[in-house]
Each structure stands twice: as C-alpha cells, then as structure tokens.
C-alpha cells in the first residue's frame, strides 16, 4: 500500500507493518501502545516532548542527538555507555556530573602520581 501526500487519521491495530518506510511524515501526537520498533533505523527524527514509559531500549544506539532536558527515571542503565558528550548541567541523583568527573580525574591523577 502506498500513501502519498495524504492527510488521514489512522487507527491501526493487530497489524504487521514491518519493513515499512516513513519519509517526510508528520506523526506528532501519535500514541503507540504495545508496538515493536526493534531493529528500526531512525534518522533526523524529532521526538521532543515525547515520553517513553515501560519501554525496552536495551541495545539502543543514540548518536548525534540533542538530549538536552532528557529525564531518565527508574531505568536500568546497567552497561550503558556515555562517551564524547557535552555534559554541562547533567546530574545523576542530584550530583553534577562535570564536578563528579573532575573529582574522579583528580583522584586518578593523585593515584598515578603516588605510584611513581
């Protein structure tokens, strides 16, 4: 099925749309319940103001993304990796991450100096 330059409100239930392609599509205000998006590729996608609750994001890869204002609560972050990111103002349980990293780096430098 091909839908091109249409404006419709769809109600899709108990369907298999795997392999579908959405390009230049407005899905703002969409509600997705019990939806499987695993293995998908999302590029140049705006999800600002969205919420994900009871979501399985294990193995999720996020790159070149604006996550400012992101809130993560009651999440399993085991094995999560954050690298090469701007972290000013980021907190973990109320602790400023840049201060936390600076303290850790100072401690590691002290250990290295004592080892020599």
C-alpha atoms as a PDB file:
ATOM      1  CA  UNK A   1       0.000   0.000   0.000  1.00  0.00           C
ATOM      2  CA  UNK A   2       1.278   3.459  -0.822  1.00  0.00           C
ATOM      3  CA  UNK A   3       0.010   6.639   0.832  1.00  0.00           C
ATOM      4  CA  UNK A   4       1.428   9.817  -0.707  1.00  0.00           C
ATOM      5  CA  UNK A   5       0.615  13.421   0.196  1.00  0.00           C
ATOM      6  CA  UNK A   6      -2.461  12.389   2.169  1.00  0.00           C
ATOM      7  CA  UNK A   7      -3.784  13.672   5.463  1.00  0.00           C
ATOM      8  CA  UNK A   8      -5.557  10.928   7.374  1.00  0.00           C
ATOM      9  CA  UNK A   9      -6.014   9.811  10.946  1.00  0.00           C
ATOM     10  CA  UNK A  10      -5.329   6.099  11.086  1.00  0.00           C
ATOM     11  CA  UNK A  11      -6.284   3.599  13.730  1.00  0.00           C
ATOM     12  CA  UNK A  12      -4.054   0.587  13.188  1.00  0.00           C
ATOM     13  CA  UNK A  13      -4.475  -2.477  15.424  1.00  0.00           C
ATOM     14  CA  UNK A  14      -3.129  -6.016  15.384  1.00  0.00           C
ATOM     15  CA  UNK A  15      -1.194  -5.348  12.172  1.00  0.00           C
ATOM     16  CA  UNK A  16       2.232  -6.143  10.781  1.00  0.00           C
ATOM     17  CA  UNK A  17       3.804  -3.058   9.199  1.00  0.00           C
ATOM     18  CA  UNK A  18       7.364  -4.393   9.437  1.00  0.00           C
ATOM     19  CA  UNK A  19       9.638  -3.133   6.689  1.00  0.00           C
ATOM     20  CA  UNK A  20       7.532  -0.012   6.157  1.00  0.00           C
ATOM     21  CA  UNK A  21       9.238   3.251   5.226  1.00  0.00           C
ATOM     22  CA  UNK A  22       8.114   6.608   6.578  1.00  0.00           C
ATOM     23  CA  UNK A  23       9.752   9.610   4.881  1.00  0.00           C
ATOM     24  CA  UNK A  24       8.717  13.230   5.461  1.00  0.00           C
ATOM     25  CA  UNK A  25       5.751  12.113   7.563  1.00  0.00           C
ATOM     26  CA  UNK A  26       4.154  14.004  10.458  1.00  0.00           C
ATOM     27  CA  UNK A  27       3.367  11.592  13.283  1.00  0.00           C
ATOM     28  CA  UNK A  28       3.114  14.241  16.011  1.00  0.00           C
ATOM     29  CA  UNK A  29       0.629  13.396  18.727  1.00  0.00           C
ATOM     30  CA  UNK A  30       0.716   9.700  17.855  1.00  0.00           C
ATOM     31  CA  UNK A  31       0.057   7.172  20.596  1.00  0.00           C
ATOM     32  CA  UNK A  32       1.916   3.878  20.246  1.00  0.00           C
ATOM     33  CA  UNK A  33       0.902   1.096  22.616  1.00  0.00           C
ATOM     34  CA  UNK A  34       2.402  -2.416  22.550  1.00  0.00           C
ATOM     35  CA  UNK A  35       4.422  -1.563  19.422  1.00  0.00           C
ATOM     36  CA  UNK A  36       7.579  -3.389  18.322  1.00  0.00           C
ATOM     37  CA  UNK A  37      10.124  -0.965  16.824  1.00  0.00           C
ATOM     38  CA  UNK A  38      13.188  -3.212  17.302  1.00  0.00           C
ATOM     39  CA  UNK A  39      15.767  -3.186  14.539  1.00  0.00           C
ATOM     40  CA  UNK A  40      14.452   0.080  13.111  1.00  0.00           C
ATOM     41  CA  UNK A  41      16.573   2.960  11.870  1.00  0.00           C
ATOM     42  CA  UNK A  42      15.532   6.474  12.793  1.00  0.00           C
ATOM     43  CA  UNK A  43      17.360   9.391  11.191  1.00  0.00           C
ATOM     44  CA  UNK A  44      16.554  13.096  11.514  1.00  0.00           C
ATOM     45  CA  UNK A  45      13.627  12.303  13.815  1.00  0.00           C
ATOM     46  CA  UNK A  46      12.070  14.823  16.200  1.00  0.00           C
ATOM     47  CA  UNK A  47      10.782  13.215  19.402  1.00  0.00           C
ATOM     48  CA  UNK A  48      10.941  16.364  21.549  1.00  0.00           C
ATOM     49  CA  UNK A  49       8.151  16.496  24.105  1.00  0.00           C
ATOM     50  CA  UNK A  50       7.553  12.745  23.757  1.00  0.00           C
ATOM     51  CA  UNK A  51       7.548  10.276  26.616  1.00  0.00           C
ATOM     52  CA  UNK A  52       8.522   6.630  26.701  1.00  0.00           C
ATOM     53  CA  UNK A  53       7.103   4.609  29.586  1.00  0.00           C
ATOM     54  CA  UNK A  54       7.722   0.914  30.206  1.00  0.00           C
ATOM     55  CA  UNK A  55       9.945   0.804  27.109  1.00  0.00           C
ATOM     56  CA  UNK A  56      12.639  -1.769  26.295  1.00  0.00           C
ATOM     57  CA  UNK A  57      15.541   0.269  24.917  1.00  0.00           C
ATOM     58  CA  UNK A  58      18.243  -2.339  25.528  1.00  0.00           C
ATOM     59  CA  UNK A  59      20.836  -2.138  22.785  1.00  0.00           C
ATOM     60  CA  UNK A  60      19.562   1.288  21.698  1.00  0.00           C
ATOM     61  CA  UNK A  61      22.207   3.320  19.852  1.00  0.00           C
ATOM     62  CA  UNK A  62      21.907   7.103  20.032  1.00  0.00           C
ATOM     63  CA  UNK A  63      24.402   9.252  18.113  1.00  0.00           C
ATOM     64  CA  UNK A  64      24.491  12.938  17.162  1.00  0.00           C
ATOM     65  CA  UNK A  65      21.338  13.552  19.198  1.00  0.00           C
ATOM     66  CA  UNK A  66      20.132  16.552  21.177  1.00  0.00           C
ATOM     67  CA  UNK A  67      19.120  15.083  24.532  1.00  0.00           C
ATOM     68  CA  UNK A  68      19.082  18.370  26.443  1.00  0.00           C
ATOM     69  CA  UNK A  69      16.341  18.287  29.054  1.00  0.00           C
ATOM     70  CA  UNK A  70      16.202  14.479  28.901  1.00  0.00           C
ATOM     71  CA  UNK A  71      14.849  12.887  32.077  1.00  0.00           C
ATOM     72  CA  UNK A  72      15.553   9.250  32.867  1.00  0.00           C
ATOM     73  CA  UNK A  73      13.841   7.808  35.942  1.00  0.00           C
ATOM     74  CA  UNK A  74      13.514   4.281  37.319  1.00  0.00           C
ATOM     75  CA  UNK A  75      15.628   2.930  34.466  1.00  0.00           C
ATOM     76  CA  UNK A  76      18.061   0.029  34.207  1.00  0.00           C
ATOM     77  CA  UNK A  77      21.289   1.667  32.999  1.00  0.00           C
ATOM     78  CA  UNK A  78      23.476  -1.418  33.504  1.00  0.00           C
ATOM     79  CA  UNK A  79      26.091  -1.457  30.754  1.00  0.00           C
ATOM     80  CA  UNK A  80      25.099   1.971  29.437  1.00  0.00           C
ATOM     81  CA  UNK A  81      27.934   3.943  27.827  1.00  0.00           C
ATOM     82  CA  UNK A  82      28.089   7.734  27.536  1.00  0.00           C
ATOM     83  CA  UNK A  83      31.107   8.970  25.579  1.00  0.00           C
ATOM     84  CA  UNK A  84      32.245  12.154  23.827  1.00  0.00           C
ATOM     85  CA  UNK A  85      29.194  14.080  25.052  1.00  0.00           C
ATOM     86  CA  UNK A  86      28.602  17.602  26.295  1.00  0.00           C
ATOM     87  CA  UNK A  87      27.512  17.174  29.924  1.00  0.00           C
ATOM     88  CA  UNK A  88      27.291  20.680  31.421  1.00  0.00           C
ATOM     89  CA  UNK A  89      24.278  20.765  33.753  1.00  0.00           C
ATOM     90  CA  UNK A  90      23.796  16.994  33.655  1.00  0.00           C
ATOM     91  CA  UNK A  91      23.097  15.455  37.057  1.00  0.00           C
ATOM     92  CA  UNK A  92      22.849  11.941  38.395  1.00  0.00           C
ATOM     93  CA  UNK A  93      20.775  11.715  41.570  1.00  0.00           C
ATOM     94  CA  UNK A  94      21.315  15.452  42.069  1.00  0.00           C
ATOM     95  CA  UNK A  95      25.112  15.283  41.650  1.00  0.00           C
ATOM     96  CA  UNK A  96      26.594  17.474  38.895  1.00  0.00           C
ATOM     97  CA  UNK A  97      28.311  15.065  36.501  1.00  0.00           C
ATOM     98  CA  UNK A  98      31.036  17.511  35.394  1.00  0.00           C
ATOM     99  CA  UNK A  99      32.016  18.022  39.058  1.00  0.00           C
ATOM    100  CA  UNK A 100      31.869  14.288  39.654  1.00  0.00           C
ATOM    101  CA  UNK A 101      34.144  13.606  36.667  1.00  0.00           C
ATOM    102  CA  UNK A 102      36.580  16.360  37.712  1.00  0.00           C
ATOM    103  CA  UNK A 103      36.846  14.829  41.204  1.00  0.00           C
ATOM    104  CA  UNK A 104      37.361  11.358  39.724  1.00  0.00           C
ATOM    105  CA  UNK A 105      40.065  12.635  37.336  1.00  0.00           C
ATOM    106  CA  UNK A 106      41.835  14.481  40.179  1.00  0.00           C
ATOM    107  CA  UNK A 107      41.766  11.330  42.296  1.00  0.00           C
ATOM    108  CA  UNK A 108      43.078   9.219  39.411  1.00  0.00           C
ATOM    109  CA  UNK A 109      45.883  11.758  38.806  1.00  0.00           C
ATOM    110  CA  UNK A 110      46.783  11.582  42.523  1.00  0.00           C
ATOM    111  CA  UNK A 111      46.951   7.810  42.403  1.00  0.00           C
ATOM    112  CA  UNK A 112      49.163   7.973  39.326  1.00  0.00           C
ATOM    113  CA  UNK A 113      51.497  10.488  40.998  1.00  0.00           C
ATOM    114  CA  UNK A 114      51.739   8.304  44.133  1.00  0.00           C
ATOM    115  CA  UNK A 115      52.519   5.225  42.039  1.00  0.00           C
ATOM    116  CA  UNK A 116      55.588   6.882  40.535  1.00  0.00           C
END
